[in-house]
Amino acid sequence: MPERLNLPAEWAEQSAVMLAWPHADTDWQDSLEAVEVVYTQLLAAISRYEQVLLLCPDEAHQADINIRLANAGVDTSKIIFFPVQYNDTWTRDYGPISVNLSNSPKLLNFTFNGWGNKFNAELDNTVNGQLSEAGIWSDTELLDIDFVLEGGSIESDGQGTLLTTSHCLLNPNRNPGFTKNTIENLLQEKLGCHRVLWLEHGYLAGDDTDSHIDTLARFSSTNTIVYMTCQNKDDEHYQSLKQMENELRALKTLSGQNYQLIPIEIPPAIFAADGHRLPASYVNFLIINQAVLVPVYQHPTSDKIAIKKLSLAFPDHEIIPIDCKTLILQHGSLHCVTMQLLKGVI
């Protein structure tokens, strides 16, 4: 019998979520105290449901973090610390991607090039190998793949359909010389997908990732897509997100039906100190065992509406809002700083 390869949906059962604690040598130097509060809230929420694999720069940081978490009431027995050097905390894009190969988990170690060589990623690219050498993955095999791919750039329904954006995956700053057909073939070979749904439109101002799908549109079930929309015609996102919405309406499920679509209005504009707009998104949520962690941005009305919409999208999950007003200062949010690990990996 041939081996069956599958990229599970994010709602598949997990063993842990991987994060990297912010420290003074990461982008968080100027907002370290505030972002540590966010990470403490994240770990408190995730550890209620599953383990957390937490990267930290050294054993001194590990001891300090452990005290902080214990003082916040976090069950630190659920935290697996791993001291290692990393450039930054965006584990979604350099952490390993979990797949099932004939019902056994495998980890794929794609290349991360700092979103098209915008930022240094030399240390980030060594993390997964060091975790493997230390035996953190138990018996789960880590497979190195010489192809640039970030976890935030792909979205799986767990049944062989992959959703992504052309602006990211076809960008020559990732894999120059690769055609759309070549990339689709590689994704089928490495991830087991049967078809790739490409979005040609959709972006968020201030985004460093070249339109990662995890800020724009996400599967909440095999036939449902939650996505960012913009109803304000004076907003710079109106035209592009309207075009993306039209594309989503034209997509078909594996059975040939239209997807059920759940629109969520883009958060009110948030600006950095220098005046540029930050890429806040409500669809940058994280699905874990029995819960969904939702980014909110201190806008009570729009936050409340987003939470309600996601409650409809995930009726069997607890919805847990996490204040990500600090995370968005570095152009990412909740999903961007986390990477789920499939059941059996740890």
C-alpha atoms as a PDB file:
ATOM      1  CA  MET A   1       0.000   0.000   0.000  1.00  0.00           C
ATOM      2  CA  PRO A   2       1.467   3.420  -0.957  1.00  0.00           C
ATOM      3  CA  GLU A   3       2.293   5.866   1.831  1.00  0.00           C
ATOM      4  CA  ARG A   4      -0.381   8.508   2.462  1.00  0.00           C
ATOM      5  CA  LEU A   5       0.911  12.045   3.023  1.00  0.00           C
ATOM      6  CA  ASN A   6      -1.323  14.728   4.500  1.00  0.00           C
ATOM      7  CA  LEU A   7      -0.978  18.247   5.884  1.00  0.00           C
ATOM      8  CA  PRO A   8      -3.524  18.298   8.732  1.00  0.00           C
ATOM      9  CA  ALA A   9      -5.812  21.231   9.332  1.00  0.00           C
ATOM     10  CA  GLU A  10      -4.894  23.332  12.342  1.00  0.00           C
ATOM     11  CA  TRP A  11      -7.834  21.880  14.280  1.00  0.00           C
ATOM     12  CA  ALA A  12      -6.247  18.409  14.224  1.00  0.00           C
ATOM     13  CA  GLU A  13      -5.220  17.211  17.689  1.00  0.00           C
ATOM     14  CA  GLN A  14      -1.958  18.738  18.877  1.00  0.00           C
ATOM     15  CA  SER A  15       0.763  17.758  21.308  1.00  0.00           C
ATOM     16  CA  ALA A  16       2.132  21.266  21.862  1.00  0.00           C
ATOM     17  CA  VAL A  17       2.520  24.799  20.566  1.00  0.00           C
ATOM     18  CA  MET A  18       5.994  26.217  19.944  1.00  0.00           C
ATOM     19  CA  LEU A  19       6.872  29.806  20.909  1.00  0.00           C
ATOM     20  CA  ALA A  20      10.084  31.791  21.353  1.00  0.00           C
ATOM     21  CA  TRP A  21      10.284  34.112  24.357  1.00  0.00           C
ATOM     22  CA  PRO A  22      11.130  37.730  23.413  1.00  0.00           C
ATOM     23  CA  HIS A  23      14.370  39.171  24.753  1.00  0.00           C
ATOM     24  CA  ALA A  24      16.555  42.237  24.322  1.00  0.00           C
ATOM     25  CA  ASP A  25      18.344  40.903  21.216  1.00  0.00           C
ATOM     26  CA  THR A  26      15.064  40.473  19.310  1.00  0.00           C
ATOM     27  CA  ASP A  27      12.867  43.121  17.704  1.00  0.00           C
ATOM     28  CA  TRP A  28      11.142  43.576  21.061  1.00  0.00           C
ATOM     29  CA  GLN A  29      13.930  45.527  22.730  1.00  0.00           C
ATOM     30  CA  ASP A  30      11.923  48.766  22.923  1.00  0.00           C
ATOM     31  CA  SER A  31       8.713  47.140  24.211  1.00  0.00           C
ATOM     32  CA  LEU A  32      10.088  44.175  26.122  1.00  0.00           C
ATOM     33  CA  GLU A  33       8.133  44.561  29.350  1.00  0.00           C
ATOM     34  CA  ALA A  34       4.804  44.948  27.513  1.00  0.00           C
ATOM     35  CA  VAL A  35       5.363  42.015  25.171  1.00  0.00           C
ATOM     36  CA  GLU A  36       6.394  39.732  28.037  1.00  0.00           C
ATOM     37  CA  VAL A  37       2.950  40.368  29.511  1.00  0.00           C
ATOM     38  CA  VAL A  38       1.369  39.219  26.223  1.00  0.00           C
ATOM     39  CA  TYR A  39       3.510  36.072  26.138  1.00  0.00           C
ATOM     40  CA  THR A  40       2.584  35.264  29.728  1.00  0.00           C
ATOM     41  CA  GLN A  41      -1.099  35.488  28.760  1.00  0.00           C
ATOM     42  CA  LEU A  42      -0.480  33.320  25.714  1.00  0.00           C
ATOM     43  CA  LEU A  43       1.286  30.612  27.686  1.00  0.00           C
ATOM     44  CA  ALA A  44      -1.375  30.718  30.389  1.00  0.00           C
ATOM     45  CA  ALA A  45      -4.107  30.149  27.800  1.00  0.00           C
ATOM     46  CA  ILE A  46      -2.353  27.467  25.748  1.00  0.00           C
ATOM     47  CA  SER A  47      -1.098  25.475  28.751  1.00  0.00           C
ATOM     48  CA  ARG A  48      -4.682  24.955  29.922  1.00  0.00           C
ATOM     49  CA  TYR A  49      -5.172  22.649  26.943  1.00  0.00           C
ATOM     50  CA  GLU A  50      -1.770  21.300  25.909  1.00  0.00           C
ATOM     51  CA  GLN A  51       1.980  21.575  26.348  1.00  0.00           C
ATOM     52  CA  VAL A  52       4.087  24.550  25.261  1.00  0.00           C
ATOM     53  CA  LEU A  53       7.539  24.167  23.733  1.00  0.00           C
ATOM     54  CA  LEU A  54       9.206  27.420  24.730  1.00  0.00           C
ATOM     55  CA  LEU A  55      12.469  28.603  23.227  1.00  0.00           C
ATOM     56  CA  CYS A  56      14.543  30.940  25.393  1.00  0.00           C
ATOM     57  CA  PRO A  57      18.061  32.313  24.856  1.00  0.00           C
ATOM     58  CA  ASP A  58      19.782  30.727  27.869  1.00  0.00           C
ATOM     59  CA  GLU A  59      19.270  29.069  31.246  1.00  0.00           C
ATOM     60  CA  ALA A  60      19.254  32.395  33.086  1.00  0.00           C
ATOM     61  CA  HIS A  61      16.290  33.538  31.011  1.00  0.00           C
ATOM     62  CA  GLN A  62      14.664  30.153  31.576  1.00  0.00           C
ATOM     63  CA  ALA A  63      14.833  30.601  35.347  1.00  0.00           C
ATOM     64  CA  ASP A  64      13.417  34.140  35.177  1.00  0.00           C
ATOM     65  CA  ILE A  65      10.607  33.093  32.811  1.00  0.00           C
ATOM     66  CA  ASN A  66       9.731  30.131  35.005  1.00  0.00           C
ATOM     67  CA  ILE A  67       9.328  32.423  38.024  1.00  0.00           C
ATOM     68  CA  ARG A  68       7.240  34.895  36.017  1.00  0.00           C
ATOM     69  CA  LEU A  69       4.934  32.153  34.759  1.00  0.00           C
ATOM     70  CA  ALA A  70       4.574  30.542  38.182  1.00  0.00           C
ATOM     71  CA  ASN A  71       3.699  33.923  39.720  1.00  0.00           C
ATOM     72  CA  ALA A  72       1.025  34.327  37.031  1.00  0.00           C
ATOM     73  CA  GLY A  73      -0.510  31.001  37.995  1.00  0.00           C
ATOM     74  CA  VAL A  74       0.692  29.121  34.915  1.00  0.00           C
ATOM     75  CA  ASP A  75       1.147  25.364  35.307  1.00  0.00           C
ATOM     76  CA  THR A  76       4.863  25.309  34.496  1.00  0.00           C
ATOM     77  CA  SER A  77       4.842  21.499  34.321  1.00  0.00           C
ATOM     78  CA  LYS A  78       3.203  22.027  30.907  1.00  0.00           C
ATOM     79  CA  ILE A  79       6.141  24.146  29.680  1.00  0.00           C
ATOM     80  CA  ILE A  80       9.073  22.465  27.915  1.00  0.00           C
ATOM     81  CA  PHE A  81      11.971  24.937  27.936  1.00  0.00           C
ATOM     82  CA  PHE A  82      14.700  24.811  25.315  1.00  0.00           C
ATOM     83  CA  PRO A  83      17.629  27.271  25.520  1.00  0.00           C
ATOM     84  CA  VAL A  84      18.745  28.193  21.999  1.00  0.00           C
ATOM     85  CA  GLN A  85      19.794  31.264  20.028  1.00  0.00           C
ATOM     86  CA  TYR A  86      17.280  32.722  17.555  1.00  0.00           C
ATOM     87  CA  ASN A  87      16.995  35.945  15.581  1.00  0.00           C
ATOM     88  CA  ASP A  88      13.405  36.656  16.523  1.00  0.00           C
ATOM     89  CA  THR A  89      10.158  35.195  17.802  1.00  0.00           C
ATOM     90  CA  TRP A  90       8.128  34.439  14.639  1.00  0.00           C
ATOM     91  CA  THR A  91       8.011  30.668  15.078  1.00  0.00           C
ATOM     92  CA  ARG A  92       5.094  30.341  12.644  1.00  0.00           C
ATOM     93  CA  ASP A  93       7.568  30.963   9.846  1.00  0.00           C
ATOM     94  CA  TYR A  94      10.680  29.075  10.968  1.00  0.00           C
ATOM     95  CA  GLY A  95       9.171  26.377  13.167  1.00  0.00           C
ATOM     96  CA  PRO A  96       8.674  22.907  11.667  1.00  0.00           C
ATOM     97  CA  ILE A  97       5.525  22.078   9.714  1.00  0.00           C
ATOM     98  CA  SER A  98       3.776  18.935  10.966  1.00  0.00           C
ATOM     99  CA  VAL A  99       2.496  16.413   8.420  1.00  0.00           C
ATOM    100  CA  ASN A 100       1.084  12.899   8.669  1.00  0.00           C
ATOM    101  CA  LEU A 101       2.784  10.159   6.682  1.00  0.00           C
ATOM    102  CA  SER A 102       0.659   7.004   6.801  1.00  0.00           C
ATOM    103  CA  ASN A 103      -0.790   8.214  10.133  1.00  0.00           C
ATOM    104  CA  SER A 104       2.618   8.863  11.686  1.00  0.00           C
ATOM    105  CA  PRO A 105       3.735  12.465  12.295  1.00  0.00           C
ATOM    106  CA  LYS A 106       6.738  13.885  10.468  1.00  0.00           C
ATOM    107  CA  LEU A 107       8.249  17.364  10.719  1.00  0.00           C
ATOM    108  CA  LEU A 108       9.284  19.378   7.676  1.00  0.00           C
ATOM    109  CA  ASN A 109      12.132  21.859   8.034  1.00  0.00           C
ATOM    110  CA  PHE A 110      11.758  24.313   5.167  1.00  0.00           C
ATOM    111  CA  THR A 111      14.186  27.194   4.640  1.00  0.00           C
ATOM    112  CA  PHE A 112      13.297  30.571   6.151  1.00  0.00           C
ATOM    113  CA  ASN A 113      14.923  33.597   4.503  1.00  0.00           C
ATOM    114  CA  GLY A 114      13.454  36.439   6.559  1.00  0.00           C
ATOM    115  CA  TRP A 115      10.439  36.970   4.275  1.00  0.00           C
ATOM    116  CA  GLY A 116      12.456  37.491   1.137  1.00  0.00           C
ATOM    117  CA  ASN A 117      15.783  38.491   2.716  1.00  0.00           C
ATOM    118  CA  LYS A 118      14.251  41.496   4.470  1.00  0.00           C
ATOM    119  CA  PHE A 119      15.663  40.392   7.841  1.00  0.00           C
ATOM    120  CA  ASN A 120      18.457  38.146   9.085  1.00  0.00           C
ATOM    121  CA  ALA A 121      17.326  34.570   9.738  1.00  0.00           C
ATOM    122  CA  GLU A 122      20.596  32.660  10.112  1.00  0.00           C
ATOM    123  CA  LEU A 123      19.956  31.644  13.724  1.00  0.00           C
ATOM    124  CA  ASP A 124      16.263  30.924  13.138  1.00  0.00           C
ATOM    125  CA  ASN A 125      17.205  28.360  10.505  1.00  0.00           C
ATOM    126  CA  THR A 126      19.281  26.354  13.002  1.00  0.00           C
ATOM    127  CA  VAL A 127      16.575  25.997  15.677  1.00  0.00           C
ATOM    128  CA  ASN A 128      14.668  22.980  14.353  1.00  0.00           C
ATOM    129  CA  GLY A 129      17.847  20.982  13.796  1.00  0.00           C
ATOM    130  CA  GLN A 130      19.037  21.696  17.335  1.00  0.00           C
ATOM    131  CA  LEU A 131      15.673  20.611  18.733  1.00  0.00           C
ATOM    132  CA  SER A 132      15.985  17.396  16.752  1.00  0.00           C
ATOM    133  CA  GLU A 133      19.546  16.726  17.933  1.00  0.00           C
ATOM    134  CA  ALA A 134      18.445  17.263  21.535  1.00  0.00           C
ATOM    135  CA  GLY A 135      15.698  14.667  21.186  1.00  0.00           C
ATOM    136  CA  ILE A 136      12.830  17.119  21.788  1.00  0.00           C
ATOM    137  CA  TRP A 137      10.888  15.590  18.901  1.00  0.00           C
ATOM    138  CA  SER A 138      11.114  12.142  20.473  1.00  0.00           C
ATOM    139  CA  ASP A 139      11.005   9.628  17.597  1.00  0.00           C
ATOM    140  CA  THR A 140       9.492  12.092  15.098  1.00  0.00           C
ATOM    141  CA  GLU A 141      11.694  12.482  12.043  1.00  0.00           C
ATOM    142  CA  LEU A 142      12.724  15.995  10.944  1.00  0.00           C
ATOM    143  CA  LEU A 143      13.122  16.274   7.174  1.00  0.00           C
ATOM    144  CA  ASP A 144      15.158  19.163   5.727  1.00  0.00           C
ATOM    145  CA  ILE A 145      13.680  20.670   2.546  1.00  0.00           C
ATOM    146  CA  ASP A 146      15.679  23.021   0.351  1.00  0.00           C
ATOM    147  CA  PHE A 147      12.790  25.342  -0.446  1.00  0.00           C
ATOM    148  CA  VAL A 148      11.758  28.645   1.122  1.00  0.00           C
ATOM    149  CA  LEU A 149       8.327  28.328   2.735  1.00  0.00           C
ATOM    150  CA  GLU A 150       6.810  29.983   5.794  1.00  0.00           C
ATOM    151  CA  GLY A 151       4.058  28.409   7.849  1.00  0.00           C
ATOM    152  CA  GLY A 152       2.026  31.609   7.721  1.00  0.00           C
ATOM    153  CA  SER A 153       1.894  31.473   3.929  1.00  0.00           C
ATOM    154  CA  ILE A 154      -0.175  28.278   3.667  1.00  0.00           C
ATOM    155  CA  GLU A 155      -3.558  27.174   5.018  1.00  0.00           C
ATOM    156  CA  SER A 156      -4.790  23.577   4.900  1.00  0.00           C
ATOM    157  CA  ASP A 157      -8.296  22.121   5.170  1.00  0.00           C
ATOM    158  CA  GLY A 158      -6.827  18.752   6.168  1.00  0.00           C
ATOM    159  CA  GLN A 159      -8.325  17.057   3.099  1.00  0.00           C
ATOM    160  CA  GLY A 160      -5.737  17.970   0.495  1.00  0.00           C
ATOM    161  CA  THR A 161      -6.711  21.569  -0.285  1.00  0.00           C
ATOM    162  CA  LEU A 162      -4.152  24.312   0.263  1.00  0.00           C
ATOM    163  CA  LEU A 163      -5.065  28.023   0.312  1.00  0.00           C
ATOM    164  CA  THR A 164      -2.323  30.568  -0.350  1.00  0.00           C
ATOM    165  CA  THR A 165      -1.491  33.872  -2.046  1.00  0.00           C
ATOM    166  CA  SER A 166       0.352  34.394  -5.301  1.00  0.00           C
ATOM    167  CA  HIS A 167       2.001  37.536  -3.973  1.00  0.00           C
ATOM    168  CA  CYS A 168       3.899  35.483  -1.401  1.00  0.00           C
ATOM    169  CA  LEU A 169       4.579  32.060  -2.891  1.00  0.00           C
ATOM    170  CA  LEU A 170       5.300  33.320  -6.416  1.00  0.00           C
ATOM    171  CA  ASN A 171       7.418  36.216  -5.204  1.00  0.00           C
ATOM    172  CA  PRO A 172      10.954  35.949  -6.675  1.00  0.00           C
ATOM    173  CA  ASN A 173      12.391  36.943  -3.286  1.00  0.00           C
ATOM    174  CA  ARG A 174      11.526  33.434  -2.032  1.00  0.00           C
ATOM    175  CA  ASN A 175      12.352  30.853  -4.705  1.00  0.00           C
ATOM    176  CA  PRO A 176      13.587  32.662  -7.835  1.00  0.00           C
ATOM    177  CA  GLY A 177      13.092  30.724 -11.042  1.00  0.00           C
ATOM    178  CA  PHE A 178      10.287  28.537  -9.685  1.00  0.00           C
ATOM    179  CA  THR A 179       7.119  28.629 -11.759  1.00  0.00           C
ATOM    180  CA  LYS A 180       3.611  28.307 -10.395  1.00  0.00           C
ATOM    181  CA  ASN A 181       3.411  24.779 -11.762  1.00  0.00           C
ATOM    182  CA  THR A 182       6.750  23.813 -10.221  1.00  0.00           C
ATOM    183  CA  ILE A 183       5.686  25.148  -6.827  1.00  0.00           C
ATOM    184  CA  GLU A 184       2.358  23.324  -6.973  1.00  0.00           C
ATOM    185  CA  ASN A 185       4.158  20.071  -7.781  1.00  0.00           C
ATOM    186  CA  LEU A 186       6.553  20.584  -4.871  1.00  0.00           C
ATOM    187  CA  LEU A 187       3.714  21.358  -2.459  1.00  0.00           C
ATOM    188  CA  GLN A 188       1.934  18.207  -3.581  1.00  0.00           C
ATOM    189  CA  GLU A 189       5.080  16.130  -3.116  1.00  0.00           C
ATOM    190  CA  LYS A 190       6.089  17.544   0.280  1.00  0.00           C
ATOM    191  CA  LEU A 191       2.704  18.347   1.852  1.00  0.00           C
ATOM    192  CA  GLY A 192       0.437  15.837   0.149  1.00  0.00           C
ATOM    193  CA  CYS A 193      -2.012  18.463  -1.131  1.00  0.00           C
ATOM    194  CA  HIS A 194      -4.150  17.584  -4.155  1.00  0.00           C
ATOM    195  CA  ARG A 195      -4.956  21.128  -5.191  1.00  0.00           C
ATOM    196  CA  VAL A 196      -3.786  24.662  -4.471  1.00  0.00           C
ATOM    197  CA  LEU A 197      -6.241  27.580  -4.330  1.00  0.00           C
ATOM    198  CA  TRP A 198      -4.391  30.790  -5.195  1.00  0.00           C
ATOM    199  CA  LEU A 199      -5.611  34.238  -4.142  1.00  0.00           C
ATOM    200  CA  GLU A 200      -4.370  37.011  -6.407  1.00  0.00           C
ATOM    201  CA  HIS A 201      -5.657  39.871  -4.246  1.00  0.00           C
ATOM    202  CA  GLY A 202      -5.592  40.899  -0.620  1.00  0.00           C
ATOM    203  CA  TYR A 203      -2.992  42.682   1.491  1.00  0.00           C
ATOM    204  CA  LEU A 204      -2.587  44.558   4.760  1.00  0.00           C
ATOM    205  CA  ALA A 205      -0.690  47.830   4.995  1.00  0.00           C
ATOM    206  CA  GLY A 206       2.531  47.481   6.991  1.00  0.00           C
ATOM    207  CA  ASP A 207       2.815  43.748   6.297  1.00  0.00           C
ATOM    208  CA  ASP A 208       6.397  42.467   5.950  1.00  0.00           C
ATOM    209  CA  THR A 209       5.382  39.011   4.705  1.00  0.00           C
ATOM    210  CA  ASP A 210       4.162  39.779   1.177  1.00  0.00           C
ATOM    211  CA  SER A 211       0.546  38.888   2.030  1.00  0.00           C
ATOM    212  CA  HIS A 212       0.643  35.792   4.195  1.00  0.00           C
ATOM    213  CA  ILE A 213      -2.644  33.942   3.989  1.00  0.00           C
ATOM    214  CA  ASP A 214      -2.899  33.742   7.797  1.00  0.00           C
ATOM    215  CA  THR A 215      -3.658  37.473   7.962  1.00  0.00           C
ATOM    216  CA  LEU A 216      -6.275  37.346   5.196  1.00  0.00           C
ATOM    217  CA  ALA A 217      -8.318  34.112   4.982  1.00  0.00           C
ATOM    218  CA  ARG A 218      -8.439  30.927   7.083  1.00  0.00           C
ATOM    219  CA  PHE A 219     -10.279  27.631   7.068  1.00  0.00           C
ATOM    220  CA  SER A 220     -12.491  27.090  10.109  1.00  0.00           C
ATOM    221  CA  SER A 221     -13.851  23.816   8.710  1.00  0.00           C
ATOM    222  CA  THR A 222     -13.475  21.873   5.476  1.00  0.00           C
ATOM    223  CA  ASN A 223     -16.204  23.978   3.859  1.00  0.00           C
ATOM    224  CA  THR A 224     -15.920  27.310   5.706  1.00  0.00           C
ATOM    225  CA  ILE A 225     -13.494  30.202   5.242  1.00  0.00           C
ATOM    226  CA  VAL A 226     -13.175  33.152   7.629  1.00  0.00           C
ATOM    227  CA  TYR A 227     -11.702  36.219   5.959  1.00  0.00           C
ATOM    228  CA  MET A 228     -10.895  39.908   6.362  1.00  0.00           C
ATOM    229  CA  THR A 229     -13.222  42.381   4.713  1.00  0.00           C
ATOM    230  CA  CYS A 230     -13.408  46.170   4.494  1.00  0.00           C
ATOM    231  CA  GLN A 231     -16.673  48.085   4.065  1.00  0.00           C
ATOM    232  CA  ASN A 232     -15.169  51.571   4.232  1.00  0.00           C
ATOM    233  CA  LYS A 233     -14.650  52.796   0.662  1.00  0.00           C
ATOM    234  CA  ASP A 234     -12.221  55.437   1.908  1.00  0.00           C
ATOM    235  CA  ASP A 235      -9.945  52.826   3.482  1.00  0.00           C
ATOM    236  CA  GLU A 236      -6.853  51.886   1.465  1.00  0.00           C
ATOM    237  CA  HIS A 237      -7.763  48.191   1.815  1.00  0.00           C
ATOM    238  CA  TYR A 238     -11.254  48.472   0.375  1.00  0.00           C
ATOM    239  CA  GLN A 239     -10.550  47.623  -3.257  1.00  0.00           C
ATOM    240  CA  SER A 240      -8.051  44.806  -2.687  1.00  0.00           C
ATOM    241  CA  LEU A 241     -10.097  43.077   0.013  1.00  0.00           C
ATOM    242  CA  LYS A 242     -13.242  43.399  -2.123  1.00  0.00           C
ATOM    243  CA  GLN A 243     -11.402  41.694  -4.989  1.00  0.00           C
ATOM    244  CA  MET A 244     -10.214  38.974  -2.605  1.00  0.00           C
ATOM    245  CA  GLU A 245     -13.794  38.489  -1.414  1.00  0.00           C
ATOM    246  CA  ASN A 246     -14.926  37.991  -5.011  1.00  0.00           C
ATOM    247  CA  GLU A 247     -12.196  35.389  -5.488  1.00  0.00           C
ATOM    248  CA  LEU A 248     -13.297  33.531  -2.353  1.00  0.00           C
ATOM    249  CA  ARG A 249     -16.893  33.511  -3.579  1.00  0.00           C
ATOM    250  CA  ALA A 250     -15.758  31.821  -6.774  1.00  0.00           C
ATOM    251  CA  LEU A 251     -13.858  29.012  -5.027  1.00  0.00           C
ATOM    252  CA  LYS A 252     -15.377  25.548  -4.759  1.00  0.00           C
ATOM    253  CA  THR A 253     -15.025  22.851  -2.136  1.00  0.00           C
ATOM    254  CA  LEU A 254     -13.803  19.367  -3.049  1.00  0.00           C
ATOM    255  CA  SER A 255     -17.440  18.380  -3.636  1.00  0.00           C
ATOM    256  CA  GLY A 256     -17.973  21.311  -6.005  1.00  0.00           C
ATOM    257  CA  GLN A 257     -20.011  23.481  -3.628  1.00  0.00           C
ATOM    258  CA  ASN A 258     -19.454  27.115  -2.735  1.00  0.00           C
ATOM    259  CA  TYR A 259     -17.588  27.694   0.512  1.00  0.00           C
ATOM    260  CA  GLN A 260     -19.490  29.081   3.446  1.00  0.00           C
ATOM    261  CA  LEU A 261     -17.863  32.474   3.968  1.00  0.00           C
ATOM    262  CA  ILE A 262     -17.651  34.367   7.266  1.00  0.00           C
ATOM    263  CA  PRO A 263     -16.449  37.962   6.761  1.00  0.00           C
ATOM    264  CA  ILE A 264     -14.840  39.872   9.612  1.00  0.00           C
ATOM    265  CA  GLU A 265     -14.336  43.615   9.254  1.00  0.00           C
ATOM    266  CA  ILE A 266     -10.740  44.797   9.384  1.00  0.00           C
ATOM    267  CA  PRO A 267      -9.843  46.374  12.755  1.00  0.00           C
ATOM    268  CA  PRO A 268      -9.863  50.171  12.972  1.00  0.00           C
ATOM    269  CA  ALA A 269      -6.520  51.544  11.828  1.00  0.00           C
ATOM    270  CA  ILE A 270      -3.622  51.215  14.250  1.00  0.00           C
ATOM    271  CA  PHE A 271      -0.532  53.306  13.575  1.00  0.00           C
ATOM    272  CA  ALA A 272       3.092  53.034  14.630  1.00  0.00           C
ATOM    273  CA  ALA A 273       4.902  55.920  16.317  1.00  0.00           C
ATOM    274  CA  ASP A 274       6.299  57.055  12.956  1.00  0.00           C
ATOM    275  CA  GLY A 275       2.818  57.190  11.430  1.00  0.00           C
ATOM    276  CA  HIS A 276       2.748  54.061   9.246  1.00  0.00           C
ATOM    277  CA  ARG A 277      -0.236  51.740   9.505  1.00  0.00           C
ATOM    278  CA  LEU A 278       0.197  48.371  11.224  1.00  0.00           C
ATOM    279  CA  PRO A 279      -1.198  45.099   9.783  1.00  0.00           C
ATOM    280  CA  ALA A 280      -3.787  44.197  12.433  1.00  0.00           C
ATOM    281  CA  SER A 281      -5.994  41.223  11.545  1.00  0.00           C
ATOM    282  CA  TYR A 282      -8.647  39.253  13.389  1.00  0.00           C
ATOM    283  CA  VAL A 283      -8.049  36.122  11.300  1.00  0.00           C
ATOM    284  CA  ASN A 284      -4.545  35.730  12.731  1.00  0.00           C
ATOM    285  CA  PHE A 285      -6.079  33.418  15.343  1.00  0.00           C
ATOM    286  CA  LEU A 286      -4.588  30.184  16.704  1.00  0.00           C
ATOM    287  CA  ILE A 287      -6.588  26.956  16.883  1.00  0.00           C
ATOM    288  CA  ILE A 288      -5.533  24.658  19.740  1.00  0.00           C
ATOM    289  CA  ASN A 289      -7.145  21.637  21.402  1.00  0.00           C
ATOM    290  CA  GLN A 290     -10.710  22.689  22.331  1.00  0.00           C
ATOM    291  CA  ALA A 291     -10.021  26.436  22.050  1.00  0.00           C
ATOM    292  CA  VAL A 292      -9.324  29.265  19.633  1.00  0.00           C
ATOM    293  CA  LEU A 293      -7.102  32.153  20.717  1.00  0.00           C
ATOM    294  CA  VAL A 294      -8.259  35.361  19.015  1.00  0.00           C
ATOM    295  CA  PRO A 295      -6.188  38.543  18.628  1.00  0.00           C
ATOM    296  CA  VAL A 296      -7.928  41.710  19.793  1.00  0.00           C
ATOM    297  CA  TYR A 297      -6.672  45.290  19.601  1.00  0.00           C
ATOM    298  CA  GLN A 298      -8.352  47.407  22.320  1.00  0.00           C
ATOM    299  CA  HIS A 299     -11.217  48.428  20.034  1.00  0.00           C
ATOM    300  CA  PRO A 300     -14.202  47.227  22.129  1.00  0.00           C
ATOM    301  CA  THR A 301     -16.882  47.292  19.429  1.00  0.00           C
ATOM    302  CA  SER A 302     -14.926  45.705  16.571  1.00  0.00           C
ATOM    303  CA  ASP A 303     -13.191  43.258  18.943  1.00  0.00           C
ATOM    304  CA  LYS A 304     -16.582  42.125  20.258  1.00  0.00           C
ATOM    305  CA  ILE A 305     -17.951  41.613  16.735  1.00  0.00           C
ATOM    306  CA  ALA A 306     -14.870  39.609  15.703  1.00  0.00           C
ATOM    307  CA  ILE A 307     -15.185  37.382  18.774  1.00  0.00           C
ATOM    308  CA  LYS A 308     -18.847  36.775  17.977  1.00  0.00           C
ATOM    309  CA  LYS A 309     -18.050  35.879  14.346  1.00  0.00           C
ATOM    310  CA  LEU A 310     -15.354  33.449  15.407  1.00  0.00           C
ATOM    311  CA  SER A 311     -17.709  31.902  17.955  1.00  0.00           C
ATOM    312  CA  LEU A 312     -19.976  31.101  14.989  1.00  0.00           C
ATOM    313  CA  ALA A 313     -17.026  29.729  13.019  1.00  0.00           C
ATOM    314  CA  PHE A 314     -15.875  27.501  15.921  1.00  0.00           C
ATOM    315  CA  PRO A 315     -19.030  26.537  17.861  1.00  0.00           C
ATOM    316  CA  ASP A 316     -17.312  23.634  19.626  1.00  0.00           C
ATOM    317  CA  HIS A 317     -14.281  25.625  20.808  1.00  0.00           C
ATOM    318  CA  GLU A 318     -13.794  28.049  23.672  1.00  0.00           C
ATOM    319  CA  ILE A 319     -12.977  31.497  22.262  1.00  0.00           C
ATOM    320  CA  ILE A 320     -10.179  33.212  24.206  1.00  0.00           C
ATOM    321  CA  PRO A 321      -9.328  36.835  23.320  1.00  0.00           C
ATOM    322  CA  ILE A 322      -5.679  37.865  23.653  1.00  0.00           C
ATOM    323  CA  ASP A 323      -4.717  41.560  23.603  1.00  0.00           C
ATOM    324  CA  CYS A 324      -2.298  41.845  20.672  1.00  0.00           C
ATOM    325  CA  LYS A 325      -1.954  45.628  20.526  1.00  0.00           C
ATOM    326  CA  THR A 326       1.707  45.177  21.510  1.00  0.00           C
ATOM    327  CA  LEU A 327       2.403  42.269  19.133  1.00  0.00           C
ATOM    328  CA  ILE A 328       1.223  44.294  16.145  1.00  0.00           C
ATOM    329  CA  LEU A 329       3.937  46.903  16.817  1.00  0.00           C
ATOM    330  CA  GLN A 330       6.380  44.480  15.140  1.00  0.00           C
ATOM    331  CA  HIS A 331       3.989  43.791  12.227  1.00  0.00           C
ATOM    332  CA  GLY A 332       2.739  40.402  13.392  1.00  0.00           C
ATOM    333  CA  SER A 333       0.078  38.985  15.663  1.00  0.00           C
ATOM    334  CA  LEU A 334      -0.965  35.893  17.573  1.00  0.00           C
ATOM    335  CA  HIS A 335      -0.743  33.225  14.868  1.00  0.00           C
ATOM    336  CA  CYS A 336       2.602  34.610  13.700  1.00  0.00           C
ATOM    337  CA  VAL A 337       4.345  33.936  17.040  1.00  0.00           C
ATOM    338  CA  THR A 338       3.067  30.383  17.427  1.00  0.00           C
ATOM    339  CA  MET A 339       3.480  27.032  15.646  1.00  0.00           C
ATOM    340  CA  GLN A 340       1.343  24.031  16.525  1.00  0.00           C
ATOM    341  CA  LEU A 341       2.902  20.576  16.705  1.00  0.00           C
ATOM    342  CA  LEU A 342       0.804  17.573  15.755  1.00  0.00           C
ATOM    343  CA  LYS A 343      -0.217  14.904  18.271  1.00  0.00           C
ATOM    344  CA  GLY A 344       2.630  12.414  18.654  1.00  0.00           C
ATOM    345  CA  VAL A 345       5.419  14.894  17.905  1.00  0.00           C
ATOM    346  CA  ILE A 346       6.142  15.466  21.609  1.00  0.00           C
END
